Amino acid sequence: SVISRGLQKIAENYPVLVKIRGRWELTPLGFQVNASTKEAITS
């Protein structure tokens, strides 16, 4: 439930998650953000 609320809060403020048929999915921007995050971690 904590994880679900966390995802909901992210989706409400930033266009990186969208709920489709009751399931959260990453948007194209969400994939880009995660890719950028991984690059930052590597650097």
PDB file of all heavy atoms in Angstrom:
ATOM      1  N   SER A   1       0.832  -1.204   0.000  1.00  0.00           N
ATOM      2  CA  SER A   1       0.000   0.000   0.000  1.00  0.00           C
ATOM      3  C   SER A   1       0.869   1.258   0.000  1.00  0.00           C
ATOM      4  O   SER A   1       0.516   2.269  -0.614  1.00  0.00           O
ATOM      5  CB  SER A   1      -0.929   0.007   1.220  1.00  0.00           C
ATOM      6  OG  SER A   1      -0.174   0.028   2.434  1.00  0.00           O
ATOM      7  N   VAL A   2       2.019   1.207   0.682  1.00  0.00           N
ATOM      8  CA  VAL A   2       2.943   2.346   0.703  1.00  0.00           C
ATOM      9  C   VAL A   2       3.540   2.551  -0.684  1.00  0.00           C
ATOM     10  O   VAL A   2       3.649   3.696  -1.163  1.00  0.00           O
ATOM     11  CB  VAL A   2       4.059   2.122   1.740  1.00  0.00           C
ATOM     12  CG1 VAL A   2       5.097   3.243   1.663  1.00  0.00           C
ATOM     13  CG2 VAL A   2       3.468   2.040   3.141  1.00  0.00           C
ATOM     14  N   ILE A   3       3.906   1.471  -1.325  1.00  0.00           N
ATOM     15  CA  ILE A   3       4.446   1.547  -2.675  1.00  0.00           C
ATOM     16  C   ILE A   3       3.411   2.117  -3.628  1.00  0.00           C
ATOM     17  O   ILE A   3       3.698   2.987  -4.458  1.00  0.00           O
ATOM     18  CB  ILE A   3       4.897   0.154  -3.171  1.00  0.00           C
ATOM     19  CG1 ILE A   3       6.045  -0.381  -2.314  1.00  0.00           C
ATOM     20  CG2 ILE A   3       5.298   0.213  -4.636  1.00  0.00           C
ATOM     21  CD1 ILE A   3       7.320   0.408  -2.426  1.00  0.00           C
ATOM     22  N   SER A   4       2.174   1.650  -3.505  1.00  0.00           N
ATOM     23  CA  SER A   4       1.101   2.115  -4.381  1.00  0.00           C
ATOM     24  C   SER A   4       0.857   3.604  -4.219  1.00  0.00           C
ATOM     25  O   SER A   4       0.701   4.331  -5.208  1.00  0.00           O
ATOM     26  CB  SER A   4      -0.184   1.331  -4.086  1.00  0.00           C
ATOM     27  OG  SER A   4      -1.213   1.717  -4.967  1.00  0.00           O
ATOM     28  N   ARG A   5       0.847   4.081  -2.965  1.00  0.00           N
ATOM     29  CA  ARG A   5       0.638   5.507  -2.726  1.00  0.00           C
ATOM     30  C   ARG A   5       1.804   6.328  -3.284  1.00  0.00           C
ATOM     31  O   ARG A   5       1.623   7.429  -3.798  1.00  0.00           O
ATOM     32  CB  ARG A   5       0.465   5.781  -1.227  1.00  0.00           C
ATOM     33  CG  ARG A   5      -0.883   5.337  -0.672  1.00  0.00           C
ATOM     34  CD  ARG A   5      -1.147   5.973   0.686  1.00  0.00           C
ATOM     35  NE  ARG A   5      -0.161   5.578   1.680  1.00  0.00           N
ATOM     36  CZ  ARG A   5      -0.262   4.500   2.449  1.00  0.00           C
ATOM     37  NH1 ARG A   5      -1.323   3.690   2.319  1.00  0.00           N
ATOM     38  NH2 ARG A   5       0.668   4.219   3.343  1.00  0.00           N
ATOM     39  N   GLY A   6       2.998   5.777  -3.158  1.00  0.00           N
ATOM     40  CA  GLY A   6       4.158   6.467  -3.692  1.00  0.00           C
ATOM     41  C   GLY A   6       4.084   6.631  -5.199  1.00  0.00           C
ATOM     42  O   GLY A   6       4.398   7.699  -5.743  1.00  0.00           O
ATOM     43  N   LEU A   7       3.667   5.578  -5.899  1.00  0.00           N
ATOM     44  CA  LEU A   7       3.519   5.651  -7.348  1.00  0.00           C
ATOM     45  C   LEU A   7       2.421   6.633  -7.736  1.00  0.00           C
ATOM     46  O   LEU A   7       2.553   7.385  -8.706  1.00  0.00           O
ATOM     47  CB  LEU A   7       3.215   4.263  -7.907  1.00  0.00           C
ATOM     48  CG  LEU A   7       4.330   3.211  -7.770  1.00  0.00           C
ATOM     49  CD1 LEU A   7       3.828   1.835  -8.216  1.00  0.00           C
ATOM     50  CD2 LEU A   7       5.558   3.610  -8.585  1.00  0.00           C
ATOM     51  N   GLN A   8       1.332   6.620  -6.968  1.00  0.00           N
ATOM     52  CA  GLN A   8       0.231   7.521  -7.239  1.00  0.00           C
ATOM     53  C   GLN A   8       0.663   8.977  -7.113  1.00  0.00           C
ATOM     54  O   GLN A   8       0.336   9.824  -7.950  1.00  0.00           O
ATOM     55  CB  GLN A   8      -0.923   7.249  -6.253  1.00  0.00           C
ATOM     56  CG  GLN A   8      -2.149   8.139  -6.443  1.00  0.00           C
ATOM     57  CD  GLN A   8      -2.875   7.872  -7.736  1.00  0.00           C
ATOM     58  OE1 GLN A   8      -3.061   6.713  -8.112  1.00  0.00           O
ATOM     59  NE2 GLN A   8      -3.258   8.925  -8.441  1.00  0.00           N
ATOM     60  N   LYS A   9       1.432   9.280  -6.078  1.00  0.00           N
ATOM     61  CA  LYS A   9       1.905  10.648  -5.863  1.00  0.00           C
ATOM     62  C   LYS A   9       2.807  11.102  -6.993  1.00  0.00           C
ATOM     63  O   LYS A   9       2.735  12.257  -7.452  1.00  0.00           O
ATOM     64  CB  LYS A   9       2.641  10.745  -4.533  1.00  0.00           C
ATOM     65  CG  LYS A   9       3.042  12.162  -4.158  1.00  0.00           C
ATOM     66  CD  LYS A   9       3.644  12.224  -2.778  1.00  0.00           C
ATOM     67  CE  LYS A   9       4.012  13.664  -2.418  1.00  0.00           C
ATOM     68  NZ  LYS A   9       4.607  13.754  -1.043  1.00  0.00           N
ATOM     69  N   ILE A  10       3.676  10.195  -7.456  1.00  0.00           N
ATOM     70  CA  ILE A  10       4.547  10.538  -8.581  1.00  0.00           C
ATOM     71  C   ILE A  10       3.711  10.841  -9.815  1.00  0.00           C
ATOM     72  O   ILE A  10       3.914  11.840 -10.507  1.00  0.00           O
ATOM     73  CB  ILE A  10       5.542   9.392  -8.870  1.00  0.00           C
ATOM     74  CG1 ILE A  10       6.532   9.229  -7.724  1.00  0.00           C
ATOM     75  CG2 ILE A  10       6.304   9.663 -10.179  1.00  0.00           C
ATOM     76  CD1 ILE A  10       7.456   8.030  -7.868  1.00  0.00           C
ATOM     77  N   ALA A  11       2.710   9.974 -10.094  1.00  0.00           N
ATOM     78  CA  ALA A  11       1.876  10.123 -11.285  1.00  0.00           C
ATOM     79  C   ALA A  11       1.051  11.402 -11.254  1.00  0.00           C
ATOM     80  O   ALA A  11       0.786  12.011 -12.295  1.00  0.00           O
ATOM     81  CB  ALA A  11       0.970   8.915 -11.434  1.00  0.00           C
ATOM     82  N   GLU A  12       0.647  11.835 -10.058  1.00  0.00           N
ATOM     83  CA  GLU A  12      -0.167  13.042  -9.928  1.00  0.00           C
ATOM     84  C   GLU A  12       0.623  14.298 -10.266  1.00  0.00           C
ATOM     85  O   GLU A  12       0.045  15.308 -10.682  1.00  0.00           O
ATOM     86  CB  GLU A  12      -0.716  13.154  -8.506  1.00  0.00           C
ATOM     87  CG  GLU A  12      -1.815  12.141  -8.204  1.00  0.00           C
ATOM     88  CD  GLU A  12      -2.224  12.177  -6.745  1.00  0.00           C
ATOM     89  OE1 GLU A  12      -1.575  12.906  -5.956  1.00  0.00           O
ATOM     90  OE2 GLU A  12      -3.189  11.470  -6.388  1.00  0.00           O
ATOM     91  N   ASN A  13       1.914  14.264 -10.063  1.00  0.00           N
ATOM     92  CA  ASN A  13       2.732  15.462 -10.236  1.00  0.00           C
ATOM     93  C   ASN A  13       3.597  15.465 -11.496  1.00  0.00           C
ATOM     94  O   ASN A  13       3.943  16.535 -12.001  1.00  0.00           O
ATOM     95  CB  ASN A  13       3.628  15.650  -9.012  1.00  0.00           C
ATOM     96  CG  ASN A  13       2.840  16.003  -7.763  1.00  0.00           C
ATOM     97  OD1 ASN A  13       2.416  17.138  -7.588  1.00  0.00           O
ATOM     98  ND2 ASN A  13       2.622  15.018  -6.888  1.00  0.00           N
ATOM     99  N   TYR A  14       3.953  14.277 -11.990  1.00  0.00           N
ATOM    100  CA  TYR A  14       4.887  14.208 -13.113  1.00  0.00           C
ATOM    101  C   TYR A  14       4.400  13.198 -14.147  1.00  0.00           C
ATOM    102  O   TYR A  14       3.961  12.094 -13.779  1.00  0.00           O
ATOM    103  CB  TYR A  14       6.278  13.819 -12.628  1.00  0.00           C
ATOM    104  CG  TYR A  14       6.692  14.570 -11.385  1.00  0.00           C
ATOM    105  CD1 TYR A  14       6.787  13.912 -10.170  1.00  0.00           C
ATOM    106  CD2 TYR A  14       6.945  15.936 -11.442  1.00  0.00           C
ATOM    107  CE1 TYR A  14       7.144  14.605  -9.022  1.00  0.00           C
ATOM    108  CE2 TYR A  14       7.297  16.632 -10.314  1.00  0.00           C
ATOM    109  CZ  TYR A  14       7.392  15.968  -9.092  1.00  0.00           C
ATOM    110  OH  TYR A  14       7.732  16.660  -7.975  1.00  0.00           O
ATOM    111  N   PRO A  15       4.493  13.517 -15.419  1.00  0.00           N
ATOM    112  CA  PRO A  15       3.991  12.623 -16.473  1.00  0.00           C
ATOM    113  C   PRO A  15       4.936  11.481 -16.794  1.00  0.00           C
ATOM    114  O   PRO A  15       5.339  11.285 -17.949  1.00  0.00           O
ATOM    115  CB  PRO A  15       3.845  13.579 -17.659  1.00  0.00           C
ATOM    116  CG  PRO A  15       4.931  14.585 -17.457  1.00  0.00           C
ATOM    117  CD  PRO A  15       5.006  14.788 -15.972  1.00  0.00           C
ATOM    118  N   VAL A  16       5.290  10.718 -15.769  1.00  0.00           N
ATOM    119  CA  VAL A  16       6.214   9.601 -15.973  1.00  0.00           C
ATOM    120  C   VAL A  16       5.540   8.250 -15.759  1.00  0.00           C
ATOM    121  O   VAL A  16       6.112   7.207 -16.086  1.00  0.00           O
ATOM    122  CB  VAL A  16       7.429   9.732 -15.032  1.00  0.00           C
ATOM    123  CG1 VAL A  16       8.268  10.947 -15.398  1.00  0.00           C
ATOM    124  CG2 VAL A  16       7.002   9.795 -13.577  1.00  0.00           C
ATOM    125  N   LEU A  17       4.333   8.260 -15.207  1.00  0.00           N
ATOM    126  CA  LEU A  17       3.564   7.039 -14.975  1.00  0.00           C
ATOM    127  C   LEU A  17       2.140   7.254 -15.447  1.00  0.00           C
ATOM    128  O   LEU A  17       1.590   8.360 -15.347  1.00  0.00           O
ATOM    129  CB  LEU A  17       3.555   6.671 -13.486  1.00  0.00           C
ATOM    130  CG  LEU A  17       4.834   6.104 -12.874  1.00  0.00           C
ATOM    131  CD1 LEU A  17       4.693   6.039 -11.356  1.00  0.00           C
ATOM    132  CD2 LEU A  17       5.162   4.734 -13.440  1.00  0.00           C
ATOM    133  N   VAL A  18       1.545   6.205 -15.938  1.00  0.00           N
ATOM    134  CA  VAL A  18       0.142   6.249 -16.329  1.00  0.00           C
ATOM    135  C   VAL A  18      -0.494   4.914 -15.965  1.00  0.00           C
ATOM    136  O   VAL A  18       0.161   3.860 -16.033  1.00  0.00           O
ATOM    137  CB  VAL A  18       0.008   6.535 -17.843  1.00  0.00           C
ATOM    138  CG1 VAL A  18       0.614   5.400 -18.668  1.00  0.00           C
ATOM    139  CG2 VAL A  18      -1.448   6.751 -18.209  1.00  0.00           C
ATOM    140  N   LYS A  19      -1.778   4.940 -15.547  1.00  0.00           N
ATOM    141  CA  LYS A  19      -2.461   3.703 -15.177  1.00  0.00           C
ATOM    142  C   LYS A  19      -3.310   3.251 -16.357  1.00  0.00           C
ATOM    143  O   LYS A  19      -4.172   3.983 -16.850  1.00  0.00           O
ATOM    144  CB  LYS A  19      -3.335   3.915 -13.943  1.00  0.00           C
ATOM    145  CG  LYS A  19      -3.958   2.634 -13.416  1.00  0.00           C
ATOM    146  CD  LYS A  19      -4.603   2.833 -12.056  1.00  0.00           C
ATOM    147  CE  LYS A  19      -3.573   2.841 -10.943  1.00  0.00           C
ATOM    148  NZ  LYS A  19      -4.209   2.833  -9.590  1.00  0.00           N
ATOM    149  N   ILE A  20      -3.034   2.036 -16.813  1.00  0.00           N
ATOM    150  CA  ILE A  20      -3.757   1.448 -17.934  1.00  0.00           C
ATOM    151  C   ILE A  20      -4.354   0.125 -17.482  1.00  0.00           C
ATOM    152  O   ILE A  20      -3.629  -0.777 -17.045  1.00  0.00           O
ATOM    153  CB  ILE A  20      -2.835   1.222 -19.147  1.00  0.00           C
ATOM    154  CG1 ILE A  20      -2.234   2.555 -19.615  1.00  0.00           C
ATOM    155  CG2 ILE A  20      -3.582   0.538 -20.284  1.00  0.00           C
ATOM    156  CD1 ILE A  20      -1.240   2.418 -20.742  1.00  0.00           C
ATOM    157  N   ARG A  21      -5.706   0.041 -17.555  1.00  0.00           N
ATOM    158  CA  ARG A  21      -6.437  -1.151 -17.121  1.00  0.00           C
ATOM    159  C   ARG A  21      -6.077  -1.537 -15.685  1.00  0.00           C
ATOM    160  O   ARG A  21      -5.876  -2.709 -15.363  1.00  0.00           O
ATOM    161  CB  ARG A  21      -6.179  -2.319 -18.066  1.00  0.00           C
ATOM    162  CG  ARG A  21      -6.656  -2.082 -19.500  1.00  0.00           C
ATOM    163  CD  ARG A  21      -6.545  -3.375 -20.329  1.00  0.00           C
ATOM    164  NE  ARG A  21      -6.903  -3.131 -21.709  1.00  0.00           N
ATOM    165  CZ  ARG A  21      -6.049  -2.754 -22.649  1.00  0.00           C
ATOM    166  NH1 ARG A  21      -4.775  -2.564 -22.327  1.00  0.00           N
ATOM    167  NH2 ARG A  21      -6.457  -2.554 -23.888  1.00  0.00           N
ATOM    168  N   GLY A  22      -5.955  -0.510 -14.867  1.00  0.00           N
ATOM    169  CA  GLY A  22      -5.700  -0.751 -13.447  1.00  0.00           C
ATOM    170  C   GLY A  22      -4.253  -1.047 -13.096  1.00  0.00           C
ATOM    171  O   GLY A  22      -3.943  -1.328 -11.931  1.00  0.00           O
ATOM    172  N   ARG A  23      -3.348  -0.938 -14.068  1.00  0.00           N
ATOM    173  CA  ARG A  23      -1.937  -1.229 -13.819  1.00  0.00           C
ATOM    174  C   ARG A  23      -1.085  -0.015 -14.191  1.00  0.00           C
ATOM    175  O   ARG A  23      -1.302   0.616 -15.215  1.00  0.00           O
ATOM    176  CB  ARG A  23      -1.472  -2.449 -14.634  1.00  0.00           C
ATOM    177  CG  ARG A  23      -2.117  -3.763 -14.214  1.00  0.00           C
ATOM    178  CD  ARG A  23      -1.707  -4.877 -15.173  1.00  0.00           C
ATOM    179  NE  ARG A  23      -0.273  -5.054 -15.199  1.00  0.00           N
ATOM    180  CZ  ARG A  23       0.392  -5.849 -14.369  1.00  0.00           C
ATOM    181  NH1 ARG A  23      -0.274  -6.553 -13.448  1.00  0.00           N
ATOM    182  NH2 ARG A  23       1.702  -5.970 -14.458  1.00  0.00           N
ATOM    183  N   TRP A  24      -0.105   0.269 -13.321  1.00  0.00           N
ATOM    184  CA  TRP A  24       0.810   1.371 -13.607  1.00  0.00           C
ATOM    185  C   TRP A  24       1.791   0.964 -14.705  1.00  0.00           C
ATOM    186  O   TRP A  24       2.271  -0.159 -14.730  1.00  0.00           O
ATOM    187  CB  TRP A  24       1.615   1.765 -12.364  1.00  0.00           C
ATOM    188  CG  TRP A  24       0.819   2.457 -11.295  1.00  0.00           C
ATOM    189  CD1 TRP A  24       0.523   1.997 -10.060  1.00  0.00           C
ATOM    190  CD2 TRP A  24       0.228   3.750 -11.394  1.00  0.00           C
ATOM    191  NE1 TRP A  24      -0.227   2.903  -9.350  1.00  0.00           N
ATOM    192  CE2 TRP A  24      -0.419   4.013 -10.160  1.00  0.00           C
ATOM    193  CE3 TRP A  24       0.169   4.734 -12.387  1.00  0.00           C
ATOM    194  CZ2 TRP A  24      -1.105   5.186  -9.904  1.00  0.00           C
ATOM    195  CZ3 TRP A  24      -0.510   5.900 -12.145  1.00  0.00           C
ATOM    196  CH2 TRP A  24      -1.138   6.130 -10.913  1.00  0.00           C
ATOM    197  N   GLU A  25       2.043   1.906 -15.595  1.00  0.00           N
ATOM    198  CA  GLU A  25       3.040   1.692 -16.640  1.00  0.00           C
ATOM    199  C   GLU A  25       3.862   2.971 -16.801  1.00  0.00           C
ATOM    200  O   GLU A  25       3.357   4.081 -16.602  1.00  0.00           O
ATOM    201  CB  GLU A  25       2.390   1.329 -17.980  1.00  0.00           C
ATOM    202  CG  GLU A  25       1.703  -0.019 -17.976  1.00  0.00           C
ATOM    203  CD  GLU A  25       1.185  -0.415 -19.353  1.00  0.00           C
ATOM    204  OE1 GLU A  25       1.602   0.254 -20.350  1.00  0.00           O
ATOM    205  OE2 GLU A  25       0.389  -1.364 -19.437  1.00  0.00           O
ATOM    206  N   LEU A  26       5.122   2.806 -17.183  1.00  0.00           N
ATOM    207  CA  LEU A  26       5.972   3.965 -17.461  1.00  0.00           C
ATOM    208  C   LEU A  26       5.547   4.635 -18.765  1.00  0.00           C
ATOM    209  O   LEU A  26       5.234   3.955 -19.749  1.00  0.00           O
ATOM    210  CB  LEU A  26       7.446   3.545 -17.576  1.00  0.00           C
ATOM    211  CG  LEU A  26       8.172   3.120 -16.301  1.00  0.00           C
ATOM    212  CD1 LEU A  26       9.532   2.535 -16.658  1.00  0.00           C
ATOM    213  CD2 LEU A  26       8.333   4.298 -15.351  1.00  0.00           C
ATOM    214  N   THR A  27       5.543   5.950 -18.782  1.00  0.00           N
ATOM    215  CA  THR A  27       5.333   6.691 -20.025  1.00  0.00           C
ATOM    216  C   THR A  27       6.674   6.780 -20.758  1.00  0.00           C
ATOM    217  O   THR A  27       7.726   6.454 -20.184  1.00  0.00           O
ATOM    218  CB  THR A  27       4.826   8.111 -19.730  1.00  0.00           C
ATOM    219  OG1 THR A  27       5.864   8.831 -19.048  1.00  0.00           O
ATOM    220  CG2 THR A  27       3.568   8.081 -18.867  1.00  0.00           C
ATOM    221  N   PRO A  28       6.664   7.238 -21.997  1.00  0.00           N
ATOM    222  CA  PRO A  28       7.952   7.429 -22.687  1.00  0.00           C
ATOM    223  C   PRO A  28       8.902   8.314 -21.892  1.00  0.00           C
ATOM    224  O   PRO A  28      10.108   8.038 -21.838  1.00  0.00           O
ATOM    225  CB  PRO A  28       7.540   8.080 -24.013  1.00  0.00           C
ATOM    226  CG  PRO A  28       6.174   7.514 -24.279  1.00  0.00           C
ATOM    227  CD  PRO A  28       5.517   7.450 -22.925  1.00  0.00           C
ATOM    228  N   LEU A  29       8.364   9.378 -21.270  1.00  0.00           N
ATOM    229  CA  LEU A  29       9.216  10.228 -20.451  1.00  0.00           C
ATOM    230  C   LEU A  29       9.735   9.467 -19.238  1.00  0.00           C
ATOM    231  O   LEU A  29      10.883   9.652 -18.816  1.00  0.00           O
ATOM    232  CB  LEU A  29       8.452  11.476 -19.991  1.00  0.00           C
ATOM    233  CG  LEU A  29       9.244  12.454 -19.118  1.00  0.00           C
ATOM    234  CD1 LEU A  29      10.462  12.973 -19.880  1.00  0.00           C
ATOM    235  CD2 LEU A  29       8.366  13.611 -18.658  1.00  0.00           C
ATOM    236  N   GLY A  30       8.898   8.579 -18.686  1.00  0.00           N
ATOM    237  CA  GLY A  30       9.335   7.770 -17.549  1.00  0.00           C
ATOM    238  C   GLY A  30      10.518   6.889 -17.910  1.00  0.00           C
ATOM    239  O   GLY A  30      11.478   6.752 -17.131  1.00  0.00           O
ATOM    240  N   PHE A  31      10.468   6.288 -19.108  1.00  0.00           N
ATOM    241  CA  PHE A  31      11.597   5.474 -19.566  1.00  0.00           C
ATOM    242  C   PHE A  31      12.855   6.340 -19.718  1.00  0.00           C
ATOM    243  O   PHE A  31      13.959   5.922 -19.364  1.00  0.00           O
ATOM    244  CB  PHE A  31      11.265   4.814 -20.900  1.00  0.00           C
ATOM    245  CG  PHE A  31      10.404   3.586 -20.777  1.00  0.00           C
ATOM    246  CD1 PHE A  31       9.074   3.619 -21.158  1.00  0.00           C
ATOM    247  CD2 PHE A  31      10.926   2.394 -20.269  1.00  0.00           C
ATOM    248  CE1 PHE A  31       8.280   2.485 -21.042  1.00  0.00           C
ATOM    249  CE2 PHE A  31      10.148   1.256 -20.150  1.00  0.00           C
ATOM    250  CZ  PHE A  31       8.795   1.301 -20.532  1.00  0.00           C
ATOM    251  N   GLN A  32      12.670   7.564 -20.241  1.00  0.00           N
ATOM    252  CA  GLN A  32      13.811   8.460 -20.415  1.00  0.00           C
ATOM    253  C   GLN A  32      14.399   8.872 -19.070  1.00  0.00           C
ATOM    254  O   GLN A  32      15.624   8.956 -18.915  1.00  0.00           O
ATOM    255  CB  GLN A  32      13.384   9.702 -21.206  1.00  0.00           C
ATOM    256  CG  GLN A  32      13.150   9.437 -22.683  1.00  0.00           C
ATOM    257  CD  GLN A  32      12.753  10.696 -23.424  1.00  0.00           C
ATOM    258  OE1 GLN A  32      11.755  11.331 -23.106  1.00  0.00           O
ATOM    259  NE2 GLN A  32      13.537  11.070 -24.405  1.00  0.00           N
ATOM    260  N   VAL A  33      13.524   9.146 -18.116  1.00  0.00           N
ATOM    261  CA  VAL A  33      14.009   9.530 -16.785  1.00  0.00           C
ATOM    262  C   VAL A  33      14.794   8.391 -16.160  1.00  0.00           C
ATOM    263  O   VAL A  33      15.868   8.591 -15.579  1.00  0.00           O
ATOM    264  CB  VAL A  33      12.834   9.941 -15.872  1.00  0.00           C
ATOM    265  CG1 VAL A  33      13.289  10.069 -14.421  1.00  0.00           C
ATOM    266  CG2 VAL A  33      12.232  11.256 -16.340  1.00  0.00           C
ATOM    267  N   ASN A  34      14.284   7.172 -16.262  1.00  0.00           N
ATOM    268  CA  ASN A  34      15.008   6.030 -15.694  1.00  0.00           C
ATOM    269  C   ASN A  34      16.348   5.815 -16.395  1.00  0.00           C
ATOM    270  O   ASN A  34      17.353   5.489 -15.750  1.00  0.00           O
ATOM    271  CB  ASN A  34      14.160   4.762 -15.802  1.00  0.00           C
ATOM    272  CG  ASN A  34      13.211   4.595 -14.626  1.00  0.00           C
ATOM    273  OD1 ASN A  34      13.267   5.365 -13.670  1.00  0.00           O
ATOM    274  ND2 ASN A  34      12.341   3.596 -14.691  1.00  0.00           N
ATOM    275  N   ALA A  35      16.361   6.001 -17.714  1.00  0.00           N
ATOM    276  CA  ALA A  35      17.631   5.854 -18.440  1.00  0.00           C
ATOM    277  C   ALA A  35      18.624   6.911 -17.975  1.00  0.00           C
ATOM    278  O   ALA A  35      19.810   6.631 -17.760  1.00  0.00           O
ATOM    279  CB  ALA A  35      17.386   5.975 -19.946  1.00  0.00           C
ATOM    280  N   SER A  36      18.123   8.149 -17.797  1.00  0.00           N
ATOM    281  CA  SER A  36      18.993   9.222 -17.329  1.00  0.00           C
ATOM    282  C   SER A  36      19.478   8.952 -15.917  1.00  0.00           C
ATOM    283  O   SER A  36      20.634   9.223 -15.575  1.00  0.00           O
ATOM    284  CB  SER A  36      18.226  10.550 -17.374  1.00  0.00           C
ATOM    285  OG  SER A  36      19.056  11.624 -17.015  1.00  0.00           O
ATOM    286  N   THR A  37      18.606   8.405 -15.076  1.00  0.00           N
ATOM    287  CA  THR A  37      18.983   8.074 -13.703  1.00  0.00           C
ATOM    288  C   THR A  37      20.089   7.018 -13.680  1.00  0.00           C
ATOM    289  O   THR A  37      21.056   7.122 -12.926  1.00  0.00           O
ATOM    290  CB  THR A  37      17.765   7.562 -12.917  1.00  0.00           C
ATOM    291  OG1 THR A  37      16.760   8.568 -12.897  1.00  0.00           O
ATOM    292  CG2 THR A  37      18.141   7.206 -11.483  1.00  0.00           C
ATOM    293  N   LYS A  38      19.946   5.999 -14.521  1.00  0.00           N
ATOM    294  CA  LYS A  38      20.968   4.959 -14.587  1.00  0.00           C
ATOM    295  C   LYS A  38      22.308   5.529 -15.036  1.00  0.00           C
ATOM    296  O   LYS A  38      23.363   5.158 -14.513  1.00  0.00           O
ATOM    297  CB  LYS A  38      20.530   3.844 -15.550  1.00  0.00           C
ATOM    298  CG  LYS A  38      19.374   3.000 -15.033  1.00  0.00           C
ATOM    299  CD  LYS A  38      18.974   1.956 -16.063  1.00  0.00           C
ATOM    300  CE  LYS A  38      17.800   1.131 -15.584  1.00  0.00           C
ATOM    301  NZ  LYS A  38      17.378   0.129 -16.598  1.00  0.00           N
ATOM    302  N   GLU A  39      22.268   6.442 -16.016  1.00  0.00           N
ATOM    303  CA  GLU A  39      23.509   7.074 -16.473  1.00  0.00           C
ATOM    304  C   GLU A  39      24.152   7.872 -15.345  1.00  0.00           C
ATOM    305  O   GLU A  39      25.375   7.871 -15.173  1.00  0.00           O
ATOM    306  CB  GLU A  39      23.216   7.998 -17.657  1.00  0.00           C
ATOM    307  CG  GLU A  39      22.849   7.263 -18.940  1.00  0.00           C
ATOM    308  CD  GLU A  39      22.498   8.215 -20.061  1.00  0.00           C
ATOM    309  OE1 GLU A  39      22.678   9.440 -19.864  1.00  0.00           O
ATOM    310  OE2 GLU A  39      22.033   7.758 -21.113  1.00  0.00           O
ATOM    311  N   ALA A  40      23.294   8.571 -14.567  1.00  0.00           N
ATOM    312  CA  ALA A  40      23.816   9.369 -13.465  1.00  0.00           C
ATOM    313  C   ALA A  40      24.467   8.487 -12.409  1.00  0.00           C
ATOM    314  O   ALA A  40      25.530   8.806 -11.874  1.00  0.00           O
ATOM    315  CB  ALA A  40      22.688  10.188 -12.833  1.00  0.00           C
ATOM    316  N   ILE A  41      23.829   7.349 -12.111  1.00  0.00           N
ATOM    317  CA  ILE A  41      24.390   6.418 -11.130  1.00  0.00           C
ATOM    318  C   ILE A  41      25.744   5.900 -11.607  1.00  0.00           C
ATOM    319  O   ILE A  41      26.717   5.834 -10.846  1.00  0.00           O
ATOM    320  CB  ILE A  41      23.425   5.233 -10.889  1.00  0.00           C
ATOM    321  CG1 ILE A  41      22.165   5.721 -10.183  1.00  0.00           C
ATOM    322  CG2 ILE A  41      24.096   4.142 -10.058  1.00  0.00           C
ATOM    323  CD1 ILE A  41      21.084   4.665 -10.096  1.00  0.00           C
ATOM    324  N   THR A  42      25.815   5.541 -12.892  1.00  0.00           N
ATOM    325  CA  THR A  42      27.069   5.035 -13.454  1.00  0.00           C
ATOM    326  C   THR A  42      28.167   6.086 -13.368  1.00  0.00           C
ATOM    327  O   THR A  42      29.301   5.799 -12.968  1.00  0.00           O
ATOM    328  CB  THR A  42      26.859   4.607 -14.912  1.00  0.00           C
ATOM    329  OG1 THR A  42      25.889   3.565 -14.969  1.00  0.00           O
ATOM    330  CG2 THR A  42      28.161   4.114 -15.521  1.00  0.00           C
ATOM    331  N   SER A  43      27.836   7.337 -13.739  1.00  0.00           N
ATOM    332  CA  SER A  43      28.816   8.417 -13.676  1.00  0.00           C
ATOM    333  C   SER A  43      29.281   8.665 -12.249  1.00  0.00           C
ATOM    334  O   SER A  43      30.466   8.861 -11.986  1.00  0.00           O
ATOM    335  CB  SER A  43      28.212   9.706 -14.253  1.00  0.00           C
ATOM    336  OG  SER A  43      27.892   9.539 -15.615  1.00  0.00           O
TER     337      SER A  43
END
